[in-house]
């Protein structure tokens, strides 16, 4: 999935069929459903899942919990705006074309 197609699906409020869980969590977050995004992220057992989980807790304002998840992901806490972190995560998961 391209970044443009992913963003268009959010604007159209249509979850793409077969969307991988990491993108699904970020889709729900951007669509305004933090609870569903968090529910999906909890089931992703990978470094990316931990990074998304960290981002979601940072967005929630639970910095200690976010720090735990950044540690689980093996990355430093993101040093930028929430929108920049979301963009970085999505861009790393989408095709360039």
N, C-alpha and C. Protein backbone atom coordinates (compact mmCIF):
# COMPACT_ATOMS: atom_id res chain seq x y z
N UNK A 1 0.84 -1.18 0.00
CA UNK A 1 0.00 0.00 0.00
C UNK A 1 0.89 1.24 0.00
N UNK A 2 0.54 2.19 -0.83
CA UNK A 2 1.29 3.44 -0.86
C UNK A 2 0.82 4.36 0.27
N UNK A 3 1.67 5.29 0.62
CA UNK A 3 1.33 6.26 1.64
C UNK A 3 0.10 7.07 1.22
N UNK A 4 0.07 7.46 -0.04
CA UNK A 4 -1.07 8.25 -0.54
C UNK A 4 -2.37 7.46 -0.45
N UNK A 5 -2.33 6.19 -0.82
CA UNK A 5 -3.53 5.35 -0.75
C UNK A 5 -3.97 5.14 0.69
N UNK A 6 -3.00 4.99 1.59
CA UNK A 6 -3.31 4.81 3.01
C UNK A 6 -4.02 6.05 3.56
N UNK A 7 -3.46 7.22 3.27
CA UNK A 7 -4.06 8.46 3.76
C UNK A 7 -5.44 8.68 3.14
N UNK A 8 -5.59 8.33 1.86
CA UNK A 8 -6.89 8.48 1.20
C UNK A 8 -7.92 7.57 1.85
N UNK A 9 -7.53 6.37 2.26
CA UNK A 9 -8.48 5.45 2.91
C UNK A 9 -8.98 6.02 4.23
N UNK A 10 -8.12 6.75 4.93
CA UNK A 10 -8.53 7.37 6.19
C UNK A 10 -9.52 8.50 5.89
N UNK A 11 -9.19 9.31 4.90
CA UNK A 11 -10.08 10.42 4.53
C UNK A 11 -11.44 9.90 4.08
N UNK A 12 -11.45 8.75 3.42
CA UNK A 12 -12.70 8.14 2.94
C UNK A 12 -13.38 7.29 4.00
N UNK A 13 -12.73 7.14 5.15
CA UNK A 13 -13.27 6.34 6.27
C UNK A 13 -13.54 4.89 5.86
N UNK A 14 -12.66 4.34 5.00
CA UNK A 14 -12.79 2.96 4.54
C UNK A 14 -11.51 2.20 4.84
N UNK A 15 -11.59 1.26 5.79
CA UNK A 15 -10.42 0.44 6.12
C UNK A 15 -10.14 -0.47 4.92
N UNK A 16 -8.92 -0.41 4.37
CA UNK A 16 -8.60 -1.28 3.24
C UNK A 16 -8.63 -2.76 3.65
N UNK A 17 -9.16 -3.59 2.78
CA UNK A 17 -9.21 -5.03 3.05
C UNK A 17 -7.79 -5.57 3.17
N UNK A 18 -7.58 -6.46 4.12
CA UNK A 18 -6.30 -7.12 4.27
C UNK A 18 -5.18 -6.26 4.81
N UNK A 19 -5.51 -5.14 5.42
CA UNK A 19 -4.50 -4.23 5.95
C UNK A 19 -3.74 -4.91 7.08
N UNK A 20 -2.42 -4.88 7.04
CA UNK A 20 -1.60 -5.48 8.09
C UNK A 20 -1.86 -4.78 9.42
N UNK A 21 -1.75 -5.54 10.51
CA UNK A 21 -2.08 -5.01 11.84
C UNK A 21 -1.35 -3.72 12.20
N UNK A 22 -0.05 -3.58 11.92
CA UNK A 22 0.59 -2.30 12.28
C UNK A 22 -0.08 -1.10 11.60
N UNK A 23 -0.37 -1.22 10.32
CA UNK A 23 -1.06 -0.13 9.62
C UNK A 23 -2.49 0.00 10.10
N UNK A 24 -3.14 -1.10 10.44
CA UNK A 24 -4.50 -1.04 10.94
C UNK A 24 -4.56 -0.24 12.24
N UNK A 25 -3.61 -0.47 13.14
CA UNK A 25 -3.58 0.29 14.40
C UNK A 25 -3.41 1.78 14.11
N UNK A 26 -2.49 2.11 13.22
CA UNK A 26 -2.25 3.51 12.89
C UNK A 26 -3.42 4.12 12.13
N UNK A 27 -4.12 3.32 11.33
CA UNK A 27 -5.32 3.78 10.63
C UNK A 27 -6.37 4.21 11.65
N UNK A 28 -6.64 3.33 12.62
CA UNK A 28 -7.66 3.66 13.63
C UNK A 28 -7.25 4.88 14.46
N UNK A 29 -5.97 4.99 14.75
CA UNK A 29 -5.51 6.17 15.50
C UNK A 29 -5.80 7.45 14.73
N UNK A 30 -5.41 7.48 13.49
CA UNK A 30 -5.60 8.70 12.69
C UNK A 30 -7.08 8.96 12.43
N UNK A 31 -7.88 7.90 12.41
CA UNK A 31 -9.32 8.05 12.21
C UNK A 31 -10.04 8.48 13.49
N UNK A 32 -9.28 8.62 14.58
CA UNK A 32 -9.86 9.13 15.81
C UNK A 32 -10.32 8.08 16.81
N UNK A 33 -9.94 6.83 16.60
CA UNK A 33 -10.36 5.75 17.50
C UNK A 33 -9.14 5.19 18.23
N UNK A 34 -8.66 5.94 19.23
CA UNK A 34 -7.48 5.54 19.99
C UNK A 34 -7.68 4.17 20.63
N UNK A 35 -8.85 3.91 21.19
CA UNK A 35 -9.09 2.64 21.88
C UNK A 35 -8.92 1.45 20.93
N UNK A 36 -9.46 1.55 19.73
CA UNK A 36 -9.31 0.45 18.77
C UNK A 36 -7.86 0.34 18.31
N UNK A 37 -7.21 1.47 18.11
CA UNK A 37 -5.79 1.45 17.74
C UNK A 37 -4.98 0.74 18.80
N UNK A 38 -5.26 1.03 20.05
CA UNK A 38 -4.54 0.41 21.16
C UNK A 38 -4.85 -1.08 21.24
N UNK A 39 -6.10 -1.45 21.04
CA UNK A 39 -6.48 -2.86 21.07
C UNK A 39 -5.72 -3.65 20.01
N UNK A 40 -5.64 -3.10 18.80
CA UNK A 40 -4.91 -3.76 17.73
C UNK A 40 -3.42 -3.83 18.06
N UNK A 41 -2.87 -2.73 18.54
CA UNK A 41 -1.43 -2.68 18.84
C UNK A 41 -1.03 -3.68 19.91
N UNK A 42 -1.90 -3.93 20.86
CA UNK A 42 -1.60 -4.87 21.93
C UNK A 42 -1.34 -6.28 21.41
N UNK A 43 -1.90 -6.60 20.27
CA UNK A 43 -1.77 -7.94 19.72
C UNK A 43 -0.62 -8.08 18.73
N UNK A 44 0.15 -7.03 18.52
CA UNK A 44 1.28 -7.07 17.57
C UNK A 44 2.55 -7.36 18.36
N UNK A 45 3.05 -8.58 18.25
CA UNK A 45 4.22 -9.01 19.01
C UNK A 45 5.48 -8.86 18.16
N UNK A 46 5.91 -7.61 18.00
CA UNK A 46 7.10 -7.32 17.21
C UNK A 46 7.68 -5.99 17.66
N UNK A 47 8.85 -5.67 17.15
CA UNK A 47 9.45 -4.36 17.45
C UNK A 47 8.54 -3.23 16.98
N UNK A 48 7.97 -3.39 15.78
CA UNK A 48 7.07 -2.35 15.27
C UNK A 48 5.83 -2.24 16.14
N UNK A 49 5.31 -3.35 16.60
CA UNK A 49 4.16 -3.31 17.50
C UNK A 49 4.48 -2.53 18.77
N UNK A 50 5.67 -2.74 19.31
CA UNK A 50 6.09 -2.02 20.51
C UNK A 50 6.26 -0.53 20.21
N UNK A 51 6.78 -0.20 19.03
CA UNK A 51 6.94 1.21 18.66
C UNK A 51 5.58 1.90 18.54
N UNK A 52 4.62 1.21 17.92
CA UNK A 52 3.29 1.78 17.79
C UNK A 52 2.64 1.91 19.16
N UNK A 53 2.81 0.92 20.00
CA UNK A 53 2.27 0.95 21.36
C UNK A 53 2.86 2.14 22.12
N UNK A 54 4.16 2.37 21.96
CA UNK A 54 4.81 3.51 22.61
C UNK A 54 4.21 4.83 22.12
N UNK A 55 4.07 4.95 20.81
CA UNK A 55 3.48 6.16 20.24
C UNK A 55 2.09 6.41 20.80
N UNK A 56 1.27 5.35 20.87
CA UNK A 56 -0.10 5.51 21.36
C UNK A 56 -0.13 5.97 22.82
N UNK A 57 0.76 5.41 23.64
CA UNK A 57 0.78 5.84 25.05
C UNK A 57 1.35 7.25 25.18
N UNK A 58 2.28 7.61 24.30
CA UNK A 58 2.77 8.99 24.30
C UNK A 58 1.62 9.93 23.94
N UNK A 59 0.84 9.56 22.95
CA UNK A 59 -0.30 10.38 22.54
C UNK A 59 -1.31 10.49 23.67
N UNK A 60 -1.50 9.41 24.40
CA UNK A 60 -2.42 9.38 25.53
C UNK A 60 -1.94 10.28 26.68
N UNK A 61 -0.63 10.54 26.70
CA UNK A 61 -0.05 11.34 27.77
C UNK A 61 0.58 10.50 28.86
N UNK A 62 0.63 9.19 28.68
CA UNK A 62 1.22 8.28 29.66
C UNK A 62 2.69 8.05 29.29
N UNK A 63 3.52 9.03 29.64
CA UNK A 63 4.92 9.05 29.22
C UNK A 63 5.70 7.88 29.82
N UNK A 64 5.42 7.51 31.06
CA UNK A 64 6.13 6.37 31.67
C UNK A 64 5.84 5.08 30.91
N UNK A 65 4.59 4.84 30.59
CA UNK A 65 4.22 3.64 29.84
C UNK A 65 4.81 3.70 28.43
N UNK A 66 4.79 4.87 27.82
CA UNK A 66 5.41 5.03 26.50
C UNK A 66 6.89 4.68 26.57
N UNK A 67 7.57 5.14 27.62
CA UNK A 67 8.99 4.84 27.78
C UNK A 67 9.25 3.35 27.88
N UNK A 68 8.38 2.66 28.58
CA UNK A 68 8.50 1.20 28.68
C UNK A 68 8.43 0.58 27.28
N UNK A 69 7.47 1.01 26.47
CA UNK A 69 7.30 0.41 25.15
C UNK A 69 8.40 0.81 24.18
N UNK A 70 8.93 2.03 24.29
CA UNK A 70 10.10 2.38 23.48
C UNK A 70 11.25 1.45 23.84
N UNK A 71 11.42 1.18 25.12
CA UNK A 71 12.45 0.25 25.56
C UNK A 71 12.24 -1.14 25.00
N UNK A 72 11.00 -1.61 25.00
CA UNK A 72 10.69 -2.93 24.43
C UNK A 72 11.02 -2.97 22.94
N UNK A 73 10.84 -1.83 22.28
CA UNK A 73 11.14 -1.75 20.85
C UNK A 73 12.63 -1.61 20.59
N UNK A 74 13.39 -1.26 21.63
CA UNK A 74 14.82 -1.07 21.47
C UNK A 74 15.19 0.22 20.77
N UNK A 75 14.32 1.23 20.92
CA UNK A 75 14.58 2.53 20.30
C UNK A 75 14.45 3.63 21.35
N UNK A 76 15.10 4.75 21.07
CA UNK A 76 14.98 5.91 21.95
C UNK A 76 13.60 6.53 21.77
N UNK A 77 13.06 7.14 22.80
CA UNK A 77 11.78 7.84 22.64
C UNK A 77 11.85 8.85 21.49
N UNK A 78 10.78 8.95 20.74
CA UNK A 78 10.73 9.86 19.60
C UNK A 78 10.83 11.29 20.11
N UNK A 79 11.65 12.07 19.43
CA UNK A 79 11.87 13.45 19.83
C UNK A 79 11.29 14.37 18.75
N UNK A 80 10.00 14.51 18.78
CA UNK A 80 9.32 15.35 17.80
C UNK A 80 7.84 15.38 18.11
N UNK A 81 7.10 15.98 17.23
CA UNK A 81 5.65 16.07 17.42
C UNK A 81 4.98 14.73 17.16
N UNK A 82 3.80 14.55 17.74
CA UNK A 82 3.06 13.31 17.56
C UNK A 82 2.77 13.04 16.09
N UNK A 83 2.38 14.06 15.35
CA UNK A 83 2.10 13.89 13.93
C UNK A 83 3.32 13.44 13.15
N UNK A 84 4.48 13.93 13.55
CA UNK A 84 5.72 13.51 12.90
C UNK A 84 6.03 12.05 13.20
N UNK A 85 5.74 11.64 14.42
CA UNK A 85 5.97 10.24 14.77
C UNK A 85 5.02 9.33 14.00
N UNK A 86 3.75 9.71 13.93
CA UNK A 86 2.78 8.93 13.17
C UNK A 86 3.23 8.81 11.72
N UNK A 87 3.62 9.93 11.13
CA UNK A 87 4.09 9.94 9.74
C UNK A 87 5.30 9.03 9.56
N UNK A 88 6.23 9.07 10.49
CA UNK A 88 7.43 8.24 10.42
C UNK A 88 7.07 6.75 10.47
N UNK A 89 6.17 6.40 11.38
CA UNK A 89 5.75 5.01 11.50
C UNK A 89 5.05 4.54 10.23
N UNK A 90 4.10 5.31 9.75
CA UNK A 90 3.35 4.94 8.55
C UNK A 90 4.28 4.85 7.35
N UNK A 91 5.15 5.82 7.20
CA UNK A 91 6.07 5.83 6.06
C UNK A 91 6.96 4.59 6.05
N UNK A 92 7.36 4.15 7.23
CA UNK A 92 8.22 2.96 7.29
C UNK A 92 7.47 1.68 6.92
N UNK A 93 6.15 1.73 6.96
CA UNK A 93 5.32 0.56 6.66
C UNK A 93 4.71 0.56 5.26
N UNK A 94 4.72 1.72 4.60
CA UNK A 94 4.10 1.85 3.28
C UNK A 94 5.14 1.76 2.18
N UNK A 95 4.66 1.38 0.99
CA UNK A 95 5.51 1.36 -0.19
C UNK A 95 5.85 2.78 -0.59
N UNK A 96 6.98 2.93 -1.20
CA UNK A 96 7.42 4.26 -1.65
C UNK A 96 6.64 4.75 -2.87
N UNK A 97 6.20 3.85 -3.70
CA UNK A 97 5.59 4.26 -4.97
C UNK A 97 4.18 4.79 -4.80
